C-alpha atoms as a PDB file:
ATOM      1  CA  MET A   1      35.925   1.729 -30.657  1.00  0.00           C
ATOM      2  CA  LYS A   2      33.913  -0.526 -28.391  1.00  0.00           C
ATOM      3  CA  PHE A   3      36.615  -2.060 -26.818  1.00  0.00           C
ATOM      4  CA  LEU A   4      37.287   1.103 -24.944  1.00  0.00           C
ATOM      5  CA  SER A   5      34.143   0.916 -23.568  1.00  0.00           C
ATOM      6  CA  VAL A   6      34.578   2.065 -19.906  1.00  0.00           C
ATOM      7  CA  LEU A   7      36.713   4.925 -21.207  1.00  0.00           C
ATOM      8  CA  LEU A   8      34.370   6.512 -23.760  1.00  0.00           C
ATOM      9  CA  SER A   9      31.084   5.850 -21.726  1.00  0.00           C
ATOM     10  CA  ASN A  10      29.505   6.911 -18.595  1.00  0.00           C
ATOM     11  CA  TYR A  11      30.112   3.540 -16.724  1.00  0.00           C
ATOM     12  CA  GLY A  12      30.795   3.975 -13.483  1.00  0.00           C
ATOM     13  CA  PHE A  13      33.622   2.035 -11.558  1.00  0.00           C
ATOM     14  CA  PHE A  14      31.260   0.389  -9.065  1.00  0.00           C
ATOM     15  CA  ASP A  15      28.557  -0.094 -11.449  1.00  0.00           C
ATOM     16  CA  ASP A  16      26.680  -3.668 -10.914  1.00  0.00           C
ATOM     17  CA  PRO A  17      25.892  -5.887 -13.905  1.00  0.00           C
ATOM     18  CA  TYR A  18      22.246  -4.773 -13.754  1.00  0.00           C
ATOM     19  CA  THR A  19      23.267  -0.948 -14.182  1.00  0.00           C
ATOM     20  CA  LEU A  20      25.747  -1.905 -16.521  1.00  0.00           C
ATOM     21  CA  ALA A  21      23.208  -3.917 -18.718  1.00  0.00           C
ATOM     22  CA  GLY A  22      20.956  -0.724 -18.508  1.00  0.00           C
ATOM     23  CA  LYS A  23      23.796   1.301 -19.696  1.00  0.00           C
ATOM     24  CA  GLY A  24      24.195  -1.011 -22.758  1.00  0.00           C
ATOM     25  CA  TYR A  25      27.134  -2.953 -21.803  1.00  0.00           C
ATOM     26  CA  HIS A  26      26.867  -6.900 -23.087  1.00  0.00           C
ATOM     27  CA  GLY A  27      30.385  -8.043 -22.898  1.00  0.00           C
ATOM     28  CA  GLU A  28      32.130  -5.817 -25.325  1.00  0.00           C
ATOM     29  CA  ASP A  29      35.641  -5.802 -23.427  1.00  0.00           C
ATOM     30  CA  LYS A  30      35.670  -9.603 -23.534  1.00  0.00           C
ATOM     31  CA  MET A  31      38.678 -10.839 -25.533  1.00  0.00           C
ATOM     32  CA  SER A  32      39.093  -7.435 -26.971  1.00  0.00           C
ATOM     33  CA  TRP A  33      42.200  -5.356 -27.866  1.00  0.00           C
ATOM     34  CA  LEU A  34      41.419  -3.482 -24.311  1.00  0.00           C
ATOM     35  CA  GLN A  35      41.514  -6.713 -22.704  1.00  0.00           C
ATOM     36  CA  PHE A  36      44.748  -8.399 -24.491  1.00  0.00           C
ATOM     37  CA  LEU A  37      46.440  -5.100 -23.864  1.00  0.00           C
ATOM     38  CA  VAL A  38      45.854  -4.999 -20.320  1.00  0.00           C
ATOM     39  CA  MET A  39      46.581  -8.855 -19.413  1.00  0.00           C
ATOM     40  CA  GLY A  40      49.439  -8.469 -21.871  1.00  0.00           C
ATOM     41  CA  ILE A  41      51.060  -5.721 -19.650  1.00  0.00           C
ATOM     42  CA  ILE A  42      50.304  -7.366 -16.087  1.00  0.00           C
ATOM     43  CA  PHE A  43      51.989 -10.536 -17.727  1.00  0.00           C
ATOM     44  CA  VAL A  44      55.347  -8.718 -18.535  1.00  0.00           C
ATOM     45  CA  LEU A  45      55.250  -6.942 -15.146  1.00  0.00           C
ATOM     46  CA  ILE A  46      54.775 -10.387 -13.375  1.00  0.00           C
ATOM     47  CA  VAL A  47      57.951 -11.585 -15.432  1.00  0.00           C
ATOM     48  CA  VAL A  48      59.964  -8.514 -14.456  1.00  0.00           C
ATOM     49  CA  ILE A  49      59.055  -8.644 -10.870  1.00  0.00           C
ATOM     50  CA  SER A  50      59.578 -12.127 -10.648  1.00  0.00           C
ATOM     51  CA  ILE A  51      62.991 -11.658 -12.363  1.00  0.00           C
ATOM     52  CA  LEU A  52      63.772  -8.647  -9.567  1.00  0.00           C
ATOM     53  CA  LEU A  53      62.803 -11.204  -6.836  1.00  0.00           C
ATOM     54  CA  ARG A  54      65.890 -13.332  -7.865  1.00  0.00           C
ATOM     55  CA  ARG A  55      67.963 -10.855  -6.230  1.00  0.00           C
ATOM     56  CA  VAL A  56      66.234 -10.598  -2.643  1.00  0.00           C
ATOM     57  CA  LYS A  57      66.344 -13.151   0.153  1.00  0.00           C
ATOM     58  CA  ARG A  58      63.700 -15.926   0.033  1.00  0.00           C
ATOM     59  CA  GLU A  59      62.210 -14.684   3.088  1.00  0.00           C
ATOM     60  CA  LYS A  60      61.139 -11.544   1.619  1.00  0.00           C
ATOM     61  CA  VAL A  61      59.612 -13.379  -1.208  1.00  0.00           C
ATOM     62  CA  PHE A  62      57.566 -15.547   1.304  1.00  0.00           C
ATOM     63  CA  LEU A  63      56.516 -12.125   2.885  1.00  0.00           C
ATOM     64  CA  ILE A  64      54.747 -11.265  -0.315  1.00  0.00           C
ATOM     65  CA  TYR A  65      53.124 -14.624  -0.242  1.00  0.00           C
ATOM     66  CA  LYS A  66      51.944 -14.172   3.274  1.00  0.00           C
ATOM     67  CA  ILE A  67      50.665 -10.696   2.209  1.00  0.00           C
ATOM     68  CA  LEU A  68      48.814 -12.207  -0.748  1.00  0.00           C
ATOM     69  CA  ALA A  69      47.427 -15.394   1.311  1.00  0.00           C
ATOM     70  CA  ILE A  70      45.848 -12.828   3.971  1.00  0.00           C
ATOM     71  CA  PHE A  71      44.482 -10.345   1.290  1.00  0.00           C
ATOM     72  CA  MET A  72      42.834 -12.709  -1.390  1.00  0.00           C
ATOM     73  CA  PRO A  73      40.422 -14.017   0.898  1.00  0.00           C
ATOM     74  CA  ILE A  74      39.377 -10.746   2.388  1.00  0.00           C
ATOM     75  CA  ASN A  75      39.022  -9.241  -1.381  1.00  0.00           C
ATOM     76  CA  GLU A  76      37.112 -12.360  -1.891  1.00  0.00           C
ATOM     77  CA  ILE A  77      34.444 -11.876   0.804  1.00  0.00           C
ATOM     78  CA  VAL A  78      34.124  -8.193  -0.319  1.00  0.00           C
ATOM     79  CA  LYS A  79      33.438  -9.475  -3.847  1.00  0.00           C
ATOM     80  CA  ILE A  80      30.728 -12.117  -2.741  1.00  0.00           C
ATOM     81  CA  THR A  81      29.064  -9.193  -0.505  1.00  0.00           C
ATOM     82  CA  TYR A  82      28.948  -6.826  -3.378  1.00  0.00           C
ATOM     83  CA  SER A  83      27.430  -9.183  -5.978  1.00  0.00           C
ATOM     84  CA  SER A  84      24.894 -10.552  -3.554  1.00  0.00           C
ATOM     85  CA  TYR A  85      23.890  -7.353  -2.488  1.00  0.00           C
ATOM     86  CA  PHE A  86      22.851  -6.218  -5.992  1.00  0.00           C
ATOM     87  CA  ASP A  87      21.364  -9.373  -6.696  1.00  0.00           C
ATOM     88  CA  ILE A  88      19.359  -9.121  -3.533  1.00  0.00           C
ATOM     89  CA  ILE A  89      17.931  -5.486  -4.382  1.00  0.00           C
ATOM     90  CA  ASN A  90      17.215  -6.483  -7.929  1.00  0.00           C
ATOM     91  CA  GLY A  91      14.841  -9.225  -6.743  1.00  0.00           C
ATOM     92  CA  GLU A  92      17.369 -12.493  -7.560  1.00  0.00           C
ATOM     93  CA  PRO A  93      18.302 -15.319  -5.325  1.00  0.00           C
ATOM     94  CA  PHE A  94      21.639 -15.815  -4.083  1.00  0.00           C
ATOM     95  CA  ASN A  95      23.802 -16.784  -6.827  1.00  0.00           C
ATOM     96  CA  TRP A  96      24.807 -20.483  -5.479  1.00  0.00           C
ATOM     97  CA  GLY A  97      25.918 -21.618  -8.811  1.00  0.00           C
ATOM     98  CA  GLY A  98      28.250 -18.930  -9.953  1.00  0.00           C
ATOM     99  CA  ILE A  99      29.696 -17.032  -6.856  1.00  0.00           C
ATOM    100  CA  LEU A 100      31.085 -19.386  -4.277  1.00  0.00           C
ATOM    101  CA  PRO A 101      35.040 -19.788  -4.283  1.00  0.00           C
ATOM    102  CA  LEU A 102      35.031 -23.398  -5.606  1.00  0.00           C
ATOM    103  CA  TYR A 103      36.777 -23.112  -8.657  1.00  0.00           C
ATOM    104  CA  THR A 104      39.806 -24.313  -9.705  1.00  0.00           C
ATOM    105  CA  CYS A 105      41.511 -20.748  -9.472  1.00  0.00           C
ATOM    106  CA  SER A 106      39.789 -20.525  -5.787  1.00  0.00           C
ATOM    107  CA  MET A 107      42.503 -22.960  -4.775  1.00  0.00           C
ATOM    108  CA  LEU A 108      44.846 -19.862  -4.385  1.00  0.00           C
ATOM    109  CA  MET A 109      42.876 -18.970  -1.476  1.00  0.00           C
ATOM    110  CA  TYR A 110      43.020 -22.376   0.266  1.00  0.00           C
ATOM    111  CA  PHE A 111      46.659 -23.577  -0.720  1.00  0.00           C
ATOM    112  CA  LEU A 112      48.587 -20.389  -0.731  1.00  0.00           C
ATOM    113  CA  PRO A 113      49.057 -20.331   3.206  1.00  0.00           C
ATOM    114  CA  PHE A 114      50.468 -23.840   2.988  1.00  0.00           C
ATOM    115  CA  VAL A 115      53.352 -22.019   0.552  1.00  0.00           C
ATOM    116  CA  ALA A 116      53.470 -18.718   2.494  1.00  0.00           C
ATOM    117  CA  TRP A 117      53.651 -20.509   6.189  1.00  0.00           C
ATOM    118  CA  GLY A 118      54.622 -24.340   5.653  1.00  0.00           C
ATOM    119  CA  LYS A 119      58.040 -25.371   6.659  1.00  0.00           C
ATOM    120  CA  GLU A 120      60.549 -25.838   4.468  1.00  0.00           C
ATOM    121  CA  ASN A 121      60.381 -29.543   4.287  1.00  0.00           C
ATOM    122  CA  SER A 122      56.719 -29.547   4.641  1.00  0.00           C
ATOM    123  CA  LYS A 123      54.772 -31.782   1.933  1.00  0.00           C
ATOM    124  CA  MET A 124      51.622 -29.809   1.825  1.00  0.00           C
ATOM    125  CA  LYS A 125      54.269 -26.931   0.521  1.00  0.00           C
ATOM    126  CA  LYS A 126      55.646 -28.870  -1.602  1.00  0.00           C
ATOM    127  CA  TYR A 127      52.313 -30.039  -3.078  1.00  0.00           C
ATOM    128  CA  SER A 128      50.768 -26.424  -3.113  1.00  0.00           C
ATOM    129  CA  MET A 129      53.853 -25.088  -5.053  1.00  0.00           C
ATOM    130  CA  ALA A 130      53.666 -28.040  -7.588  1.00  0.00           C
ATOM    131  CA  PHE A 131      50.020 -26.975  -8.093  1.00  0.00           C
ATOM    132  CA  PHE A 132      50.627 -23.529  -8.448  1.00  0.00           C
ATOM    133  CA  THR A 133      53.650 -23.970 -11.005  1.00  0.00           C
ATOM    134  CA  THR A 134      51.307 -26.336 -13.188  1.00  0.00           C
ATOM    135  CA  ILE A 135      47.500 -26.290 -13.043  1.00  0.00           C
ATOM    136  CA  GLY A 136      47.304 -23.118 -11.081  1.00  0.00           C
ATOM    137  CA  LEU A 137      49.360 -21.482 -13.387  1.00  0.00           C
ATOM    138  CA  VAL A 138      47.539 -22.325 -16.571  1.00  0.00           C
ATOM    139  CA  ALA A 139      44.038 -21.868 -14.959  1.00  0.00           C
ATOM    140  CA  GLY A 140      45.170 -18.313 -14.039  1.00  0.00           C
ATOM    141  CA  LEU A 141      46.622 -17.568 -17.673  1.00  0.00           C
ATOM    142  CA  SER A 142      43.399 -19.117 -19.529  1.00  0.00           C
ATOM    143  CA  ASN A 143      41.597 -15.878 -17.867  1.00  0.00           C
ATOM    144  CA  PHE A 144      44.194 -13.716 -19.333  1.00  0.00           C
ATOM    145  CA  VAL A 145      43.024 -14.850 -22.617  1.00  0.00           C
ATOM    146  CA  TYR A 146      39.447 -15.504 -21.793  1.00  0.00           C
ATOM    147  CA  LEU A 147      38.049 -13.311 -19.039  1.00  0.00           C
ATOM    148  CA  SER A 148      35.088 -14.404 -18.007  1.00  0.00           C
ATOM    149  CA  ALA A 149      34.089 -11.666 -15.934  1.00  0.00           C
ATOM    150  CA  ALA A 150      34.167  -9.340 -18.887  1.00  0.00           C
ATOM    151  CA  SER A 151      30.921 -10.686 -20.005  1.00  0.00           C
ATOM    152  CA  GLN A 152      29.404  -8.657 -17.418  1.00  0.00           C
ATOM    153  CA  TYR A 153      31.803  -6.004 -16.301  1.00  0.00           C
ATOM    154  CA  PRO A 154      34.040  -3.774 -18.683  1.00  0.00           C
ATOM    155  CA  VAL A 155      37.425  -4.276 -17.457  1.00  0.00           C
ATOM    156  CA  PHE A 156      38.017  -1.107 -16.032  1.00  0.00           C
ATOM    157  CA  THR A 157      35.088  -1.488 -13.373  1.00  0.00           C
ATOM    158  CA  TYR A 158      35.354  -3.051 -10.087  1.00  0.00           C
ATOM    159  CA  GLY A 159      34.144  -6.391 -11.123  1.00  0.00           C
ATOM    160  CA  GLY A 160      36.647  -6.478 -14.104  1.00  0.00           C
ATOM    161  CA  MET A 161      39.464  -5.447 -11.909  1.00  0.00           C
ATOM    162  CA  TYR A 162      38.638  -7.797  -9.222  1.00  0.00           C
ATOM    163  CA  SER A 163      38.854 -10.633 -11.740  1.00  0.00           C
ATOM    164  CA  VAL A 164      42.233  -9.171 -13.435  1.00  0.00           C
ATOM    165  CA  ILE A 165      43.894  -8.795 -10.293  1.00  0.00           C
ATOM    166  CA  TYR A 166      42.998 -12.650  -8.853  1.00  0.00           C
ATOM    167  CA  HIS A 167      43.897 -14.145 -11.662  1.00  0.00           C
ATOM    168  CA  ALA A 168      47.253 -11.861 -12.007  1.00  0.00           C
ATOM    169  CA  VAL A 169      47.970 -12.927  -8.576  1.00  0.00           C
ATOM    170  CA  ILE A 170      47.658 -16.750  -9.384  1.00  0.00           C
ATOM    171  CA  VAL A 171      49.864 -16.480 -12.373  1.00  0.00           C
ATOM    172  CA  PHE A 172      52.293 -14.280 -10.072  1.00  0.00           C
ATOM    173  CA  VAL A 173      52.550 -16.961  -7.561  1.00  0.00           C
ATOM    174  CA  GLY A 174      53.275 -19.721 -10.038  1.00  0.00           C
ATOM    175  CA  MET A 175      55.816 -17.642 -12.366  1.00  0.00           C
ATOM    176  CA  SER A 176      57.580 -16.242  -9.464  1.00  0.00           C
ATOM    177  CA  LEU A 177      58.188 -19.680  -7.678  1.00  0.00           C
ATOM    178  CA  MET A 178      59.799 -20.972 -10.842  1.00  0.00           C
ATOM    179  CA  ILE A 179      61.624 -17.681 -11.905  1.00  0.00           C
ATOM    180  CA  THR A 180      62.941 -17.529  -8.392  1.00  0.00           C
ATOM    181  CA  GLY A 181      64.033 -21.034  -8.388  1.00  0.00           C
ATOM    182  CA  ILE A 182      62.355 -21.869  -5.029  1.00  0.00           C
ATOM    183  CA  TYR A 183      60.326 -24.267  -7.099  1.00  0.00           C
ATOM    184  CA  MET A 184      60.575 -25.747 -10.326  1.00  0.00           C
ATOM    185  CA  PRO A 185      58.839 -29.128 -11.659  1.00  0.00           C
ATOM    186  CA  LYS A 186      61.423 -31.535 -12.376  1.00  0.00           C
ATOM    187  CA  ASP A 187      59.876 -34.949 -12.898  1.00  0.00           C
ATOM    188  CA  TYR A 188      56.753 -37.487 -12.970  1.00  0.00           C
ATOM    189  CA  LYS A 189      57.180 -37.091  -9.268  1.00  0.00           C
ATOM    190  CA  SER A 190      55.952 -33.243  -9.657  1.00  0.00           C
ATOM    191  CA  ILE A 191      52.512 -34.491 -11.563  1.00  0.00           C
ATOM    192  CA  ASN A 192      51.861 -36.473  -8.363  1.00  0.00           C
ATOM    193  CA  GLN A 193      52.671 -33.853  -6.188  1.00  0.00           C
ATOM    194  CA  ALA A 194      50.560 -31.018  -8.224  1.00  0.00           C
ATOM    195  CA  MET A 195      47.422 -33.644  -8.353  1.00  0.00           C
ATOM    196  CA  ILE A 196      47.059 -33.871  -4.368  1.00  0.00           C
ATOM    197  CA  PRO A 197      45.667 -30.438  -3.978  1.00  0.00           C
ATOM    198  CA  ILE A 198      43.549 -30.913  -6.786  1.00  0.00           C
ATOM    199  CA  LEU A 199      42.217 -34.387  -5.644  1.00  0.00           C
ATOM    200  CA  ILE A 200      41.661 -32.990  -2.115  1.00  0.00           C
ATOM    201  CA  PHE A 201      39.654 -29.832  -3.305  1.00  0.00           C
ATOM    202  CA  GLY A 202      38.109 -32.161  -6.084  1.00  0.00           C
ATOM    203  CA  ALA A 203      37.127 -34.413  -3.269  1.00  0.00           C
ATOM    204  CA  LEU A 204      35.019 -31.616  -1.622  1.00  0.00           C
ATOM    205  CA  VAL A 205      33.688 -29.739  -4.782  1.00  0.00           C
ATOM    206  CA  LEU A 206      32.484 -32.784  -6.567  1.00  0.00           C
ATOM    207  CA  PRO A 207      29.431 -33.750  -4.093  1.00  0.00           C
ATOM    208  CA  LEU A 208      28.770 -29.954  -3.425  1.00  0.00           C
ATOM    209  CA  ASN A 209      27.871 -29.620  -7.114  1.00  0.00           C
ATOM    210  CA  PHE A 210      25.094 -32.154  -6.713  1.00  0.00           C
ATOM    211  CA  ILE A 211      24.176 -31.074  -3.236  1.00  0.00           C
ATOM    212  CA  ILE A 212      23.776 -27.392  -4.484  1.00  0.00           C
ATOM    213  CA  LYS A 213      21.321 -28.273  -7.303  1.00  0.00           C
ATOM    214  CA  ALA A 214      19.427 -30.297  -4.931  1.00  0.00           C
ATOM    215  CA  ALA A 215      19.338 -27.818  -2.515  1.00  0.00           C
ATOM    216  CA  SER A 216      18.741 -24.360  -4.440  1.00  0.00           C
ATOM    217  CA  GLY A 217      16.938 -25.622  -7.119  1.00  0.00           C
ATOM    218  CA  GLN A 218      19.007 -23.428  -9.573  1.00  0.00           C
ATOM    219  CA  GLY A 219      19.909 -26.202 -12.117  1.00  0.00           C
ATOM    220  CA  TRP A 220      23.511 -27.653 -12.455  1.00  0.00           C
ATOM    221  CA  THR A 221      26.620 -25.930 -11.292  1.00  0.00           C
ATOM    222  CA  ASP A 222      29.894 -26.436 -12.603  1.00  0.00           C
ATOM    223  CA  TYR A 223      32.502 -25.689 -10.105  1.00  0.00           C
ATOM    224  CA  MET A 224      36.023 -27.082 -11.111  1.00  0.00           C
ATOM    225  CA  MET A 225      34.523 -27.727 -14.362  1.00  0.00           C
ATOM    226  CA  LEU A 226      33.176 -31.301 -13.213  1.00  0.00           C
ATOM    227  CA  MET A 227      30.309 -31.352 -14.313  1.00  0.00           C
ATOM    228  CA  ASP A 228      30.217 -30.419 -18.448  1.00  0.00           C
ATOM    229  CA  THR A 229      33.828 -28.805 -18.594  1.00  0.00           C
ATOM    230  CA  ASN A 230      32.408 -25.259 -18.755  1.00  0.00           C
ATOM    231  CA  GLY A 231      30.547 -26.532 -22.000  1.00  0.00           C
ATOM    232  CA  PHE A 232      33.828 -27.258 -23.698  1.00  0.00           C
ATOM    233  CA  PRO A 233      33.350 -29.925 -26.633  1.00  0.00           C
ATOM    234  CA  PRO A 234      33.414 -32.707 -26.922  1.00  0.00           C
ATOM    235  CA  PHE A 235      33.344 -33.352 -23.117  1.00  0.00           C
ATOM    236  CA  ALA A 236      30.063 -31.256 -22.624  1.00  0.00           C
ATOM    237  CA  ASP A 237      28.194 -33.250 -24.882  1.00  0.00           C
ATOM    238  CA  TRP A 238      29.333 -36.600 -22.978  1.00  0.00           C
ATOM    239  CA  SER A 239      28.156 -35.346 -19.746  1.00  0.00           C
ATOM    240  CA  ASP A 240      24.855 -34.628 -21.299  1.00  0.00           C
ATOM    241  CA  TRP A 241      24.497 -37.804 -22.849  1.00  0.00           C
ATOM    242  CA  LEU A 242      25.544 -39.407 -19.483  1.00  0.00           C
ATOM    243  CA  ALA A 243      22.911 -36.902 -17.530  1.00  0.00           C
ATOM    244  CA  GLN A 244      20.191 -38.848 -19.755  1.00  0.00           C
ATOM    245  CA  TYR A 245      20.902 -41.863 -17.242  1.00  0.00           C
ATOM    246  CA  ASN A 246      21.467 -40.033 -14.139  1.00  0.00           C
ATOM    247  CA  LEU A 247      25.103 -40.988 -14.424  1.00  0.00           C
ATOM    248  CA  ARG A 248      26.406 -37.413 -14.451  1.00  0.00           C
ATOM    249  CA  PHE A 249      28.351 -38.187 -11.286  1.00  0.00           C
ATOM    250  CA  LEU A 250      30.640 -40.420 -13.494  1.00  0.00           C
ATOM    251  CA  PHE A 251      31.515 -37.630 -15.730  1.00  0.00           C
ATOM    252  CA  SER A 252      32.807 -35.956 -12.789  1.00  0.00           C
ATOM    253  CA  PHE A 253      35.228 -38.598 -11.730  1.00  0.00           C
ATOM    254  CA  PHE A 254      36.287 -38.459 -15.434  1.00  0.00           C
ATOM    255  CA  VAL A 255      37.168 -35.035 -15.195  1.00  0.00           C
ATOM    256  CA  LEU A 256      38.675 -35.418 -11.976  1.00  0.00           C
ATOM    257  CA  LEU A 257      40.588 -38.446 -12.284  1.00  0.00           C
ATOM    258  CA  VAL A 258      41.267 -38.576 -15.809  1.00  0.00           C
ATOM    259  CA  LEU A 259      41.217 -35.190 -17.466  1.00  0.00           C
ATOM    260  CA  TYR A 260      42.958 -33.275 -14.523  1.00  0.00           C
ATOM    261  CA  PRO A 261      46.230 -35.544 -14.436  1.00  0.00           C
ATOM    262  CA  ILE A 262      46.408 -35.694 -17.955  1.00  0.00           C
ATOM    263  CA  ALA A 263      46.479 -31.748 -17.917  1.00  0.00           C
ATOM    264  CA  THR A 264      48.924 -31.955 -15.115  1.00  0.00           C
ATOM    265  CA  ALA A 265      51.474 -34.055 -16.605  1.00  0.00           C
ATOM    266  CA  LEU A 266      51.533 -32.250 -19.924  1.00  0.00           C
ATOM    267  CA  ILE A 267      51.791 -28.698 -18.193  1.00  0.00           C
ATOM    268  CA  THR A 268      54.640 -30.185 -16.101  1.00  0.00           C
ATOM    269  CA  TYR A 269      56.533 -31.625 -18.884  1.00  0.00           C
ATOM    270  CA  ILE A 270      56.035 -27.977 -20.585  1.00  0.00           C
ATOM    271  CA  ASP A 271      57.527 -26.733 -17.695  1.00  0.00           C
ATOM    272  CA  ILE A 272      60.527 -29.064 -17.542  1.00  0.00           C
ATOM    273  CA  GLY A 273      61.008 -28.245 -21.554  1.00  0.00           C
ATOM    274  CA  VAL A 274      60.785 -24.739 -20.974  1.00  0.00           C
ATOM    275  CA  GLY A 275      63.454 -24.514 -17.962  1.00  0.00           C
ATOM    276  CA  TRP A 276      65.726 -26.442 -19.922  1.00  0.00           C
ATOM    277  CA  LEU A 277      65.559 -24.294 -22.844  1.00  0.00           C
ATOM    278  CA  VAL A 278      65.861 -21.182 -20.582  1.00  0.00           C
ATOM    279  CA  LYS A 279      69.012 -22.681 -18.651  1.00  0.00           C
ATOM    280  CA  PHE A 280      70.531 -23.686 -22.189  1.00  0.00           C
ATOM    281  CA  PHE A 281      70.221 -20.199 -23.347  1.00  0.00           C
ATOM    282  CA  ILE A 282      71.703 -18.979 -20.581  1.00  0.00           C
ATOM    283  CA  LYS A 283      74.632 -21.053 -20.451  1.00  0.00           C
ATOM    284  CA  LEU A 284      75.400 -20.300 -24.205  1.00  0.00           C
ATOM    285  CA  PHE A 285      75.106 -16.745 -23.479  1.00  0.00           C
ATOM    286  CA  THR A 286      77.707 -16.754 -20.610  1.00  0.00           C
ATOM    287  CA  LYS A 287      79.929 -18.934 -22.542  1.00  0.00           C
ATOM    288  CA  LYS A 288      79.906 -16.624 -25.284  1.00  0.00           C
ATOM    289  CA  LYS A 289      80.776 -13.659 -23.097  1.00  0.00           C
ATOM    290  CA  GLU A 290      83.650 -15.412 -20.963  1.00  0.00           C
ATOM    291  CA  THR A 291      85.242 -16.882 -24.398  1.00  0.00           C
ATOM    292  CA  PRO A 292      88.536 -14.817 -25.026  1.00  0.00           C
ATOM    293  CA  THR A 293      88.901 -13.367 -28.260  1.00  0.00           C
ATOM    294  CA  GLU A 294      92.108 -14.195 -30.531  1.00  0.00           C
ATOM    295  CA  GLU A 295      93.467 -11.151 -29.812  1.00  0.00           C
ATOM    296  CA  THR A 296      93.011 -11.523 -25.721  1.00  0.00           C
ATOM    297  CA  ALA A 297      93.963 -15.143 -26.174  1.00  0.00           C
ATOM    298  CA  SER A 298      97.192 -14.068 -27.928  1.00  0.00           C
ATOM    299  CA  ASN A 299      98.140 -11.507 -25.323  1.00  0.00           C
END
């Protein structure tokens, strides 16, 4: 029963990757029944909570976003400090290539404040909400299936739960925005709006991938998946081919300016389709309840 690793072992909640490896943990919880069970329960809770939030005033929903916008950066700083401390005492250098908050999911910390405190008609608020209901939502959900942190940490350890909570929050933001009716992608304009935060963040991350490699000497980083799409075929092969000619930067532009817009468009229209289906079934169910029976009609 390896997927019950932390429950049936001597792993400590705050054990670091080096200690966990010494105790025999080698990623058994990754894509295990335990991971899917935990993430499945969390997903159901997110949907239920989002539905319940339809009954409260929007000010209270935005209060939740404000609390999360404050909590998540603090949580990130604690995690970076925690991981870096154990790297240092184990004789490893600072993990420039993996620990910095420069991933697509990291955009939660930078753009949630626009949702939480932005004025009603603020463009950045609208752009940020478009991002969270499209690419942000899928980025979070992808970690529900492929929880990368579980390669180093069992689910029920600090490192594992940090990742679970972080990605649950970004999924919650996207789901709650749509389910409460605060924001729902409507047409092609939503694609353009969602791409604005991605392009802003990408303009920062793209050069940093190259700068970090040159400055740290630790090899290529893949923040925002701009260097080799996290090894996803066939794109990773294209990146390696271009790297032979020192043209890897072209692949980064391809990911940012082609793959991200395509993915955003697909997700937007899926959102629109799902929203239409939900409204259709709600109307259908409501009509059936309101349609009088023959006996009632005759009376």
